């Protein structure tokens, strides 16, 4: 089954999505990533106020299958974290683009080269073969 890849988001090759909301961005992991990981059992998120450069690790996620770093697709300062996920990671699997969001950043302007939905879909397909 093809992953859900909303057209209004941007994507990184490390499988994070970015949604611009005013002068902030919301970041989470993609449907493809949560599907590859399987049931998420642990999540480590940064503190509010922490700053990250594009491509820098901002946390960790673990599933029954694997452990993975989370990478900032854009640089910036953390203004909010989805702390509800620390006690219950299920929304990441169930609704990765909604209730499963991870962090909200005030971007510094720098960003990795982000992919649009069509390019990210091709990238996921290439890795499936």
C-alpha atoms as a PDB file:
ATOM      1  CA  UNK A   1       0.000   0.000   0.000  1.00  0.00           C
ATOM      2  CA  UNK A   2       1.361   3.424  -0.950  1.00  0.00           C
ATOM      3  CA  UNK A   3       2.109   5.749   1.952  1.00  0.00           C
ATOM      4  CA  UNK A   4      -0.077   8.798   2.608  1.00  0.00           C
ATOM      5  CA  UNK A   5       1.917  11.825   1.375  1.00  0.00           C
ATOM      6  CA  UNK A   6      -0.108  15.068   1.722  1.00  0.00           C
ATOM      7  CA  UNK A   7       0.555  17.492  -1.144  1.00  0.00           C
ATOM      8  CA  UNK A   8       0.633  20.597   1.101  1.00  0.00           C
ATOM      9  CA  UNK A   9       3.706  19.499   3.094  1.00  0.00           C
ATOM     10  CA  UNK A  10       7.452  19.462   2.397  1.00  0.00           C
ATOM     11  CA  UNK A  11       9.601  16.407   3.134  1.00  0.00           C
ATOM     12  CA  UNK A  12      13.198  15.555   4.038  1.00  0.00           C
ATOM     13  CA  UNK A  13      15.133  12.501   2.868  1.00  0.00           C
ATOM     14  CA  UNK A  14      15.355  11.467   6.539  1.00  0.00           C
ATOM     15  CA  UNK A  15      11.525  11.039   6.477  1.00  0.00           C
ATOM     16  CA  UNK A  16      10.395  14.101   8.413  1.00  0.00           C
ATOM     17  CA  UNK A  17       7.598  16.358   7.153  1.00  0.00           C
ATOM     18  CA  UNK A  18       7.365  20.138   7.524  1.00  0.00           C
ATOM     19  CA  UNK A  19       4.209  22.271   7.561  1.00  0.00           C
ATOM     20  CA  UNK A  20       4.511  26.066   7.605  1.00  0.00           C
ATOM     21  CA  UNK A  21       2.048  27.741   9.986  1.00  0.00           C
ATOM     22  CA  UNK A  22       2.522  31.498  10.001  1.00  0.00           C
ATOM     23  CA  UNK A  23       6.104  32.272  11.056  1.00  0.00           C
ATOM     24  CA  UNK A  24       6.567  28.805  12.577  1.00  0.00           C
ATOM     25  CA  UNK A  25       6.889  25.280  11.215  1.00  0.00           C
ATOM     26  CA  UNK A  26       5.495  22.013  12.562  1.00  0.00           C
ATOM     27  CA  UNK A  27       7.604  18.865  12.128  1.00  0.00           C
ATOM     28  CA  UNK A  28       6.760  15.181  12.412  1.00  0.00           C
ATOM     29  CA  UNK A  29       7.686  11.860  10.838  1.00  0.00           C
ATOM     30  CA  UNK A  30       6.031  10.710   7.642  1.00  0.00           C
ATOM     31  CA  UNK A  31       3.503   7.940   7.179  1.00  0.00           C
ATOM     32  CA  UNK A  32       6.228   6.021   5.311  1.00  0.00           C
ATOM     33  CA  UNK A  33       8.580   6.336   8.314  1.00  0.00           C
ATOM     34  CA  UNK A  34       6.028   5.221  10.898  1.00  0.00           C
ATOM     35  CA  UNK A  35       5.071   2.280   8.649  1.00  0.00           C
ATOM     36  CA  UNK A  36       8.738   1.222   8.349  1.00  0.00           C
ATOM     37  CA  UNK A  37       9.264   1.545  12.110  1.00  0.00           C
ATOM     38  CA  UNK A  38       6.106  -0.259  13.183  1.00  0.00           C
ATOM     39  CA  UNK A  39       4.613   0.327  16.626  1.00  0.00           C
ATOM     40  CA  UNK A  40       6.398   3.227  18.312  1.00  0.00           C
ATOM     41  CA  UNK A  41       7.339   2.431  21.931  1.00  0.00           C
ATOM     42  CA  UNK A  42       9.582   5.348  22.941  1.00  0.00           C
ATOM     43  CA  UNK A  43      10.099   8.960  21.952  1.00  0.00           C
ATOM     44  CA  UNK A  44      12.704  11.485  23.057  1.00  0.00           C
ATOM     45  CA  UNK A  45      11.964  15.127  22.203  1.00  0.00           C
ATOM     46  CA  UNK A  46      14.016  18.293  22.812  1.00  0.00           C
ATOM     47  CA  UNK A  47      13.286  20.985  25.397  1.00  0.00           C
ATOM     48  CA  UNK A  48      11.466  24.177  24.414  1.00  0.00           C
ATOM     49  CA  UNK A  49      14.141  26.797  23.711  1.00  0.00           C
ATOM     50  CA  UNK A  50      16.632  24.338  22.184  1.00  0.00           C
ATOM     51  CA  UNK A  51      18.016  25.338  18.770  1.00  0.00           C
ATOM     52  CA  UNK A  52      18.978  23.084  15.895  1.00  0.00           C
ATOM     53  CA  UNK A  53      20.735  23.458  12.558  1.00  0.00           C
ATOM     54  CA  UNK A  54      19.241  21.802   9.466  1.00  0.00           C
ATOM     55  CA  UNK A  55      20.081  18.101   9.454  1.00  0.00           C
ATOM     56  CA  UNK A  56      20.982  18.061  13.162  1.00  0.00           C
ATOM     57  CA  UNK A  57      19.437  15.368  15.380  1.00  0.00           C
ATOM     58  CA  UNK A  58      16.705  16.778  17.625  1.00  0.00           C
ATOM     59  CA  UNK A  59      15.539  13.564  19.265  1.00  0.00           C
ATOM     60  CA  UNK A  60      15.100   9.818  19.003  1.00  0.00           C
ATOM     61  CA  UNK A  61      12.284   7.423  18.243  1.00  0.00           C
ATOM     62  CA  UNK A  62      12.146   3.706  18.957  1.00  0.00           C
ATOM     63  CA  UNK A  63       9.802   0.999  17.794  1.00  0.00           C
ATOM     64  CA  UNK A  64       9.523  -2.714  18.314  1.00  0.00           C
ATOM     65  CA  UNK A  65      11.672  -3.066  15.132  1.00  0.00           C
ATOM     66  CA  UNK A  66      14.250  -0.276  15.247  1.00  0.00           C
ATOM     67  CA  UNK A  67      15.649   2.845  16.843  1.00  0.00           C
ATOM     68  CA  UNK A  68      16.163   5.997  14.813  1.00  0.00           C
ATOM     69  CA  UNK A  69      17.367   9.561  15.232  1.00  0.00           C
ATOM     70  CA  UNK A  70      15.027  12.433  14.366  1.00  0.00           C
ATOM     71  CA  UNK A  71      16.598  15.130  12.172  1.00  0.00           C
ATOM     72  CA  UNK A  72      15.597  18.776  11.844  1.00  0.00           C
ATOM     73  CA  UNK A  73      14.652  19.472   8.210  1.00  0.00           C
ATOM     74  CA  UNK A  74      14.906  23.202   8.969  1.00  0.00           C
ATOM     75  CA  UNK A  75      17.055  25.093  11.435  1.00  0.00           C
ATOM     76  CA  UNK A  76      15.435  27.001  14.251  1.00  0.00           C
ATOM     77  CA  UNK A  77      14.390  27.269  17.866  1.00  0.00           C
ATOM     78  CA  UNK A  78      11.903  24.876  19.465  1.00  0.00           C
ATOM     79  CA  UNK A  79       8.813  26.790  20.586  1.00  0.00           C
ATOM     80  CA  UNK A  80       6.629  23.758  21.443  1.00  0.00           C
ATOM     81  CA  UNK A  81       6.856  19.984  21.756  1.00  0.00           C
ATOM     82  CA  UNK A  82       4.014  17.483  21.636  1.00  0.00           C
ATOM     83  CA  UNK A  83       4.581  16.350  25.225  1.00  0.00           C
ATOM     84  CA  UNK A  84       1.424  14.167  25.162  1.00  0.00           C
ATOM     85  CA  UNK A  85       3.413  11.741  22.974  1.00  0.00           C
ATOM     86  CA  UNK A  86       5.933  11.041  25.742  1.00  0.00           C
ATOM     87  CA  UNK A  87       3.292   9.019  27.616  1.00  0.00           C
ATOM     88  CA  UNK A  88       1.468   7.638  24.554  1.00  0.00           C
ATOM     89  CA  UNK A  89       3.181   7.294  21.162  1.00  0.00           C
ATOM     90  CA  UNK A  90       0.162   5.734  19.405  1.00  0.00           C
ATOM     91  CA  UNK A  91      -0.864   8.982  17.594  1.00  0.00           C
ATOM     92  CA  UNK A  92       2.442   8.869  15.655  1.00  0.00           C
ATOM     93  CA  UNK A  93       1.332   5.582  14.062  1.00  0.00           C
ATOM     94  CA  UNK A  94      -2.356   6.473  13.800  1.00  0.00           C
ATOM     95  CA  UNK A  95      -2.171  10.122  12.670  1.00  0.00           C
ATOM     96  CA  UNK A  96       1.445  11.123  11.830  1.00  0.00           C
ATOM     97  CA  UNK A  97       0.382  14.383  10.113  1.00  0.00           C
ATOM     98  CA  UNK A  98      -2.101  15.455  12.795  1.00  0.00           C
ATOM     99  CA  UNK A  99      -2.085  14.385  16.443  1.00  0.00           C
ATOM    100  CA  UNK A 100       1.333  12.737  15.911  1.00  0.00           C
ATOM    101  CA  UNK A 101       3.235  15.995  15.264  1.00  0.00           C
ATOM    102  CA  UNK A 102       6.526  16.188  17.185  1.00  0.00           C
ATOM    103  CA  UNK A 103       7.884  19.733  17.464  1.00  0.00           C
ATOM    104  CA  UNK A 104       7.105  23.299  16.459  1.00  0.00           C
ATOM    105  CA  UNK A 105      10.051  25.526  15.483  1.00  0.00           C
ATOM    106  CA  UNK A 106      10.606  29.191  14.814  1.00  0.00           C
ATOM    107  CA  UNK A 107      12.814  28.701  11.734  1.00  0.00           C
ATOM    108  CA  UNK A 108      16.148  30.446  11.358  1.00  0.00           C
ATOM    109  CA  UNK A 109      15.783  30.580   7.591  1.00  0.00           C
ATOM    110  CA  UNK A 110      18.229  27.772   6.879  1.00  0.00           C
ATOM    111  CA  UNK A 111      16.784  24.527   5.640  1.00  0.00           C
ATOM    112  CA  UNK A 112      17.841  21.307   4.038  1.00  0.00           C
ATOM    113  CA  UNK A 113      16.776  20.787   0.468  1.00  0.00           C
ATOM    114  CA  UNK A 114      13.175  19.729   1.031  1.00  0.00           C
ATOM    115  CA  UNK A 115      11.145  17.614  -1.358  1.00  0.00           C
ATOM    116  CA  UNK A 116       7.598  18.246  -2.520  1.00  0.00           C
ATOM    117  CA  UNK A 117       5.045  15.428  -2.225  1.00  0.00           C
ATOM    118  CA  UNK A 118       5.670  14.020  -5.736  1.00  0.00           C
ATOM    119  CA  UNK A 119       9.450  13.938  -5.268  1.00  0.00           C
ATOM    120  CA  UNK A 120       9.101  12.350  -1.819  1.00  0.00           C
ATOM    121  CA  UNK A 121       6.721   9.696  -3.216  1.00  0.00           C
ATOM    122  CA  UNK A 122       9.336   8.813  -5.871  1.00  0.00           C
ATOM    123  CA  UNK A 123      12.034   8.703  -3.179  1.00  0.00           C
ATOM    124  CA  UNK A 124       9.953   6.265  -1.065  1.00  0.00           C
ATOM    125  CA  UNK A 125       9.257   4.104  -4.114  1.00  0.00           C
ATOM    126  CA  UNK A 126      12.967   3.946  -5.026  1.00  0.00           C
ATOM    127  CA  UNK A 127      13.805   2.629  -1.555  1.00  0.00           C
ATOM    128  CA  UNK A 128      11.078  -0.014  -1.742  1.00  0.00           C
ATOM    129  CA  UNK A 129      12.852  -1.814  -4.610  1.00  0.00           C
END
